[in-house]
Every structure is written in structure tokens, then in C-alpha cells.
Amino acid sequence: MEEPIKKGIDVSKAITPLLTVLGISVGAWQFTSQMSHESKMEFSRSMYNKKLQAYEQVGKAVGDLLIVPHDEQLWISAGDTLAFDSCLEAFRTCYWGVLPLVEDKAVEAAMIQFKDMARFYRRGENDYQDLAREGMTLMNTCNRSLEEHWQKKAKGE
């Protein structure tokens, strides 16, 4: 009668360390998995903040271009060309500086469209309303880009 009990005790002595190792392994895997998820979320949050800062710079550059004094009859007066050109240079700095790191294709296309419209306005080929409309389109595109980034983050992509 004692042998079956002894055999059961021997099996439990063998299984106990295996269960311990298995438990530790599962715990380590869960910890690593959670850390990986948190790292991805932190990276996504960091990219969102960089994108937000870049789009804020673009918004300021667009706003500065649009508030340069203008005469509807002359498009842009000779006295205002220096201010306009300075603002356009700030816009180009955004385009070639920080935006390539964070922008998407829609924002890139809107940036190019606004830049072209600003050049046409500067040459007198378009009026101020066209430039203002393109500026609003660009800012709306930036806003949609931020919303899409946030939605991807919420989905865990």
C-alpha cells in the first residue's frame, strides 16, 4: 500500500518544479509583452506630439502669410513684398525642415498646393481669397492628419 503513495509523491516532486518554471515563463512573457505594447504606445504618443508641433509651426507660417497687409486692387503692394517673402521663407523652412519627418501624403500635397498658390498670389495671378482658401484647406488637412493619427493610436495600430 505504501508504494502507490510513494509513487504519487515522486510524481508531485517532479511536477512541482516544472509548474514553477512554467509559471515564471508565462509571467516573464506577459511582462515582456506589456513592455512592448507600452513602448509602441509611447512612440506613437511621441510622434503625435511632434506632428502637432510641426503642424502648429505650419499654421503660424500660413497665418503670417495671410495677415501681410494687402490691397485687393494690387494683390500685393511693392512695400509689402519683403514681409510677404519673409513669411513665405518661413513657410518653406517648415516644408523642408520638420515636416518631412511627420507629415503624410495628404499634408504634403496641401503644402505644395498652398506654396504654389502663394507664388501665384505673389506674381498677381491669383487673388487673396484664393490664397486664404488654400491656407484653410491646408490647416484642415493637418487637422484630419492629427485625427487619423489619434484614431490609429486608439485602435492600437
C-alpha atoms as a PDB file:
ATOM      1  CA  MET A   1       0.000   0.000   0.000  1.00  0.00           C
ATOM      2  CA  GLU A   2       2.861   2.330   0.642  1.00  0.00           C
ATOM      3  CA  GLU A   3       4.380   2.026  -2.822  1.00  0.00           C
ATOM      4  CA  PRO A   4       1.487   3.715  -4.707  1.00  0.00           C
ATOM      5  CA  ILE A   5       1.554   6.595  -2.233  1.00  0.00           C
ATOM      6  CA  LYS A   6       5.331   6.885  -2.603  1.00  0.00           C
ATOM      7  CA  LYS A   7       4.990   6.879  -6.408  1.00  0.00           C
ATOM      8  CA  GLY A   8       2.393   9.692  -6.204  1.00  0.00           C
ATOM      9  CA  ILE A   9       4.739  11.720  -4.034  1.00  0.00           C
ATOM     10  CA  ASP A  10       7.611  11.187  -6.510  1.00  0.00           C
ATOM     11  CA  VAL A  11       5.441  12.407  -9.400  1.00  0.00           C
ATOM     12  CA  SER A  12       4.394  15.504  -7.470  1.00  0.00           C
ATOM     13  CA  LYS A  13       8.060  16.235  -6.682  1.00  0.00           C
ATOM     14  CA  ALA A  14       8.824  16.113 -10.411  1.00  0.00           C
ATOM     15  CA  ILE A  15       5.787  18.162 -11.495  1.00  0.00           C
ATOM     16  CA  THR A  16       6.170  20.934  -8.900  1.00  0.00           C
ATOM     17  CA  PRO A  17       9.422  22.379 -10.357  1.00  0.00           C
ATOM     18  CA  LEU A  18       8.009  22.119 -13.892  1.00  0.00           C
ATOM     19  CA  LEU A  19       4.910  24.060 -12.879  1.00  0.00           C
ATOM     20  CA  THR A  20       7.100  26.649 -11.161  1.00  0.00           C
ATOM     21  CA  VAL A  21       9.245  27.093 -14.286  1.00  0.00           C
ATOM     22  CA  LEU A  22       6.122  27.285 -16.446  1.00  0.00           C
ATOM     23  CA  GLY A  23       4.595  29.929 -14.166  1.00  0.00           C
ATOM     24  CA  ILE A  24       7.755  32.028 -14.213  1.00  0.00           C
ATOM     25  CA  SER A  25       7.986  31.713 -18.013  1.00  0.00           C
ATOM     26  CA  VAL A  26       4.376  32.824 -18.526  1.00  0.00           C
ATOM     27  CA  GLY A  27       4.899  35.753 -16.150  1.00  0.00           C
ATOM     28  CA  ALA A  28       8.061  36.830 -17.973  1.00  0.00           C
ATOM     29  CA  TRP A  29       6.300  36.572 -21.335  1.00  0.00           C
ATOM     30  CA  GLN A  30       3.375  38.691 -20.100  1.00  0.00           C
ATOM     31  CA  PHE A  31       5.758  41.296 -18.689  1.00  0.00           C
ATOM     32  CA  THR A  32       7.727  41.485 -21.945  1.00  0.00           C
ATOM     33  CA  SER A  33       4.542  41.706 -23.985  1.00  0.00           C
ATOM     34  CA  GLN A  34       3.207  44.546 -21.827  1.00  0.00           C
ATOM     35  CA  MET A  35       6.502  46.445 -22.036  1.00  0.00           C
ATOM     36  CA  SER A  36       6.496  46.085 -25.815  1.00  0.00           C
ATOM     37  CA  HIS A  37       2.948  47.448 -26.022  1.00  0.00           C
ATOM     38  CA  GLU A  38       3.833  50.365 -23.743  1.00  0.00           C
ATOM     39  CA  SER A  39       6.919  51.144 -25.856  1.00  0.00           C
ATOM     40  CA  LYS A  40       4.799  51.235 -29.012  1.00  0.00           C
ATOM     41  CA  MET A  41       2.238  53.485 -27.340  1.00  0.00           C
ATOM     42  CA  GLU A  42       4.952  55.834 -26.081  1.00  0.00           C
ATOM     43  CA  PHE A  43       6.478  56.043 -29.560  1.00  0.00           C
ATOM     44  CA  SER A  44       3.058  56.758 -31.069  1.00  0.00           C
ATOM     45  CA  ARG A  45       2.417  59.454 -28.455  1.00  0.00           C
ATOM     46  CA  SER A  46       5.817  60.992 -29.175  1.00  0.00           C
ATOM     47  CA  MET A  47       5.144  61.028 -32.934  1.00  0.00           C
ATOM     48  CA  TYR A  48       1.734  62.619 -32.341  1.00  0.00           C
ATOM     49  CA  ASN A  49       3.334  65.398 -30.271  1.00  0.00           C
ATOM     50  CA  LYS A  50       5.997  66.000 -32.928  1.00  0.00           C
ATOM     51  CA  LYS A  51       3.344  66.089 -35.629  1.00  0.00           C
ATOM     52  CA  LEU A  52       1.273  68.524 -33.563  1.00  0.00           C
ATOM     53  CA  GLN A  53       4.266  70.829 -33.041  1.00  0.00           C
ATOM     54  CA  ALA A  54       5.169  70.730 -36.735  1.00  0.00           C
ATOM     55  CA  TYR A  55       1.602  71.493 -37.784  1.00  0.00           C
ATOM     56  CA  GLU A  56       1.495  74.372 -35.288  1.00  0.00           C
ATOM     57  CA  GLN A  57       4.581  75.830 -36.989  1.00  0.00           C
ATOM     58  CA  VAL A  58       2.888  75.437 -40.367  1.00  0.00           C
ATOM     59  CA  GLY A  59      -0.233  77.133 -39.014  1.00  0.00           C
ATOM     60  CA  LYS A  60       1.814  80.071 -37.787  1.00  0.00           C
ATOM     61  CA  ALA A  61       3.617  80.373 -41.127  1.00  0.00           C
ATOM     62  CA  VAL A  62       0.306  80.245 -43.033  1.00  0.00           C
ATOM     63  CA  GLY A  63      -1.251  82.786 -40.670  1.00  0.00           C
ATOM     64  CA  ASP A  64       1.729  85.115 -41.031  1.00  0.00           C
ATOM     65  CA  LEU A  65       1.435  84.933 -44.823  1.00  0.00           C
ATOM     66  CA  LEU A  66      -2.268  85.677 -44.710  1.00  0.00           C
ATOM     67  CA  ILE A  67      -2.007  88.698 -42.418  1.00  0.00           C
ATOM     68  CA  VAL A  68       0.583  90.523 -44.506  1.00  0.00           C
ATOM     69  CA  PRO A  69      -1.168  93.769 -45.456  1.00  0.00           C
ATOM     70  CA  HIS A  70      -2.646  93.547 -48.912  1.00  0.00           C
ATOM     71  CA  ASP A  71      -4.533  95.738 -51.335  1.00  0.00           C
ATOM     72  CA  GLU A  72      -7.274  93.913 -53.229  1.00  0.00           C
ATOM     73  CA  GLN A  73      -6.560  96.022 -56.312  1.00  0.00           C
ATOM     74  CA  LEU A  74      -2.812  95.379 -56.386  1.00  0.00           C
ATOM     75  CA  TRP A  75      -2.807  91.839 -54.987  1.00  0.00           C
ATOM     76  CA  ILE A  76       0.370  92.594 -53.075  1.00  0.00           C
ATOM     77  CA  SER A  77       1.876  96.041 -52.920  1.00  0.00           C
ATOM     78  CA  ALA A  78       5.527  96.718 -53.567  1.00  0.00           C
ATOM     79  CA  GLY A  79       6.036  97.779 -49.946  1.00  0.00           C
ATOM     80  CA  ASP A  80       4.684  94.506 -48.645  1.00  0.00           C
ATOM     81  CA  THR A  81       6.755  92.188 -50.809  1.00  0.00           C
ATOM     82  CA  LEU A  82       9.609  91.999 -48.296  1.00  0.00           C
ATOM     83  CA  ALA A  83       7.255  90.974 -45.473  1.00  0.00           C
ATOM     84  CA  PHE A  84       5.463  88.500 -47.741  1.00  0.00           C
ATOM     85  CA  ASP A  85       8.728  86.989 -48.970  1.00  0.00           C
ATOM     86  CA  SER A  86       9.972  86.669 -45.387  1.00  0.00           C
ATOM     87  CA  CYS A  87       6.786  84.817 -44.381  1.00  0.00           C
ATOM     88  CA  LEU A  88       6.992  82.620 -47.467  1.00  0.00           C
ATOM     89  CA  GLU A  89      10.565  81.739 -46.499  1.00  0.00           C
ATOM     90  CA  ALA A  90       9.360  80.692 -43.025  1.00  0.00           C
ATOM     91  CA  PHE A  91       6.736  78.503 -44.703  1.00  0.00           C
ATOM     92  CA  ARG A  92       9.393  76.881 -46.901  1.00  0.00           C
ATOM     93  CA  THR A  93      11.531  76.274 -43.818  1.00  0.00           C
ATOM     94  CA  CYS A  94       8.636  74.313 -42.306  1.00  0.00           C
ATOM     95  CA  TYR A  95       8.176  72.396 -45.542  1.00  0.00           C
ATOM     96  CA  TRP A  96      11.804  71.342 -45.821  1.00  0.00           C
ATOM     97  CA  GLY A  97      12.630  71.311 -42.099  1.00  0.00           C
ATOM     98  CA  VAL A  98      10.435  69.421 -39.663  1.00  0.00           C
ATOM     99  CA  LEU A  99       7.540  68.269 -41.830  1.00  0.00           C
ATOM    100  CA  PRO A 100       9.281  65.517 -43.801  1.00  0.00           C
ATOM    101  CA  LEU A 101       9.664  63.625 -40.516  1.00  0.00           C
ATOM    102  CA  VAL A 102       5.972  63.569 -39.615  1.00  0.00           C
ATOM    103  CA  GLU A 103       3.705  64.541 -42.499  1.00  0.00           C
ATOM    104  CA  ASP A 104       1.571  62.224 -44.564  1.00  0.00           C
ATOM    105  CA  LYS A 105       0.857  62.366 -48.301  1.00  0.00           C
ATOM    106  CA  ALA A 106      -2.315  64.453 -47.925  1.00  0.00           C
ATOM    107  CA  VAL A 107      -0.499  67.135 -45.909  1.00  0.00           C
ATOM    108  CA  GLU A 108       2.389  67.106 -48.368  1.00  0.00           C
ATOM    109  CA  ALA A 109       0.001  67.684 -51.286  1.00  0.00           C
ATOM    110  CA  ALA A 110      -1.781  70.502 -49.418  1.00  0.00           C
ATOM    111  CA  MET A 111       1.580  72.117 -48.570  1.00  0.00           C
ATOM    112  CA  ILE A 112       2.617  72.063 -52.220  1.00  0.00           C
ATOM    113  CA  GLN A 113      -0.745  73.470 -53.306  1.00  0.00           C
ATOM    114  CA  PHE A 114      -0.503  76.318 -50.781  1.00  0.00           C
ATOM    115  CA  LYS A 115       3.104  77.069 -51.748  1.00  0.00           C
ATOM    116  CA  ASP A 116       2.108  77.255 -55.425  1.00  0.00           C
ATOM    117  CA  MET A 117      -0.889  79.446 -54.604  1.00  0.00           C
ATOM    118  CA  ALA A 118       1.369  81.798 -52.612  1.00  0.00           C
ATOM    119  CA  ARG A 119       3.721  82.080 -55.587  1.00  0.00           C
ATOM    120  CA  PHE A 120       0.795  82.798 -57.922  1.00  0.00           C
ATOM    121  CA  TYR A 121      -0.533  85.403 -55.494  1.00  0.00           C
ATOM    122  CA  ARG A 122       2.910  86.986 -55.240  1.00  0.00           C
ATOM    123  CA  ARG A 123       3.021  87.320 -59.049  1.00  0.00           C
ATOM    124  CA  GLY A 124      -0.503  88.739 -59.161  1.00  0.00           C
ATOM    125  CA  GLU A 125      -2.026  85.711 -60.891  1.00  0.00           C
ATOM    126  CA  ASN A 126      -4.478  84.869 -58.063  1.00  0.00           C
ATOM    127  CA  ASP A 127      -6.292  86.983 -55.529  1.00  0.00           C
ATOM    128  CA  TYR A 128      -6.109  86.989 -51.752  1.00  0.00           C
ATOM    129  CA  GLN A 129      -9.289  84.925 -51.338  1.00  0.00           C
ATOM    130  CA  ASP A 130      -7.724  82.048 -53.294  1.00  0.00           C
ATOM    131  CA  LEU A 131      -4.669  82.146 -51.046  1.00  0.00           C
ATOM    132  CA  ALA A 132      -6.810  82.270 -47.891  1.00  0.00           C
ATOM    133  CA  ARG A 133      -8.914  79.343 -49.136  1.00  0.00           C
ATOM    134  CA  GLU A 134      -5.796  77.244 -49.754  1.00  0.00           C
ATOM    135  CA  GLY A 135      -4.498  78.177 -46.307  1.00  0.00           C
ATOM    136  CA  MET A 136      -7.709  76.912 -44.712  1.00  0.00           C
ATOM    137  CA  THR A 137      -7.561  73.757 -46.816  1.00  0.00           C
ATOM    138  CA  LEU A 138      -4.005  73.118 -45.631  1.00  0.00           C
ATOM    139  CA  MET A 139      -4.908  73.609 -41.975  1.00  0.00           C
ATOM    140  CA  ASN A 140      -7.969  71.362 -42.319  1.00  0.00           C
ATOM    141  CA  THR A 141      -5.749  68.692 -43.890  1.00  0.00           C
ATOM    142  CA  CYS A 142      -3.322  68.964 -40.971  1.00  0.00           C
ATOM    143  CA  ASN A 143      -6.239  68.621 -38.563  1.00  0.00           C
ATOM    144  CA  ARG A 144      -7.502  65.487 -40.337  1.00  0.00           C
ATOM    145  CA  SER A 145      -3.991  64.035 -40.248  1.00  0.00           C
ATOM    146  CA  LEU A 146      -3.866  64.524 -36.476  1.00  0.00           C
ATOM    147  CA  GLU A 147      -7.305  62.956 -36.078  1.00  0.00           C
ATOM    148  CA  GLU A 148      -6.283  59.933 -38.159  1.00  0.00           C
ATOM    149  CA  HIS A 149      -3.111  59.522 -36.107  1.00  0.00           C
ATOM    150  CA  TRP A 150      -5.154  59.638 -32.898  1.00  0.00           C
ATOM    151  CA  GLN A 151      -7.667  57.105 -34.238  1.00  0.00           C
ATOM    152  CA  LYS A 152      -4.852  54.705 -35.194  1.00  0.00           C
ATOM    153  CA  LYS A 153      -3.420  55.118 -31.706  1.00  0.00           C
ATOM    154  CA  ALA A 154      -6.815  54.386 -30.128  1.00  0.00           C
ATOM    155  CA  LYS A 155      -7.147  51.219 -32.228  1.00  0.00           C
ATOM    156  CA  GLY A 156      -3.670  50.142 -31.154  1.00  0.00           C
ATOM    157  CA  GLU A 157      -2.161  50.159 -34.639  1.00  0.00           C
END
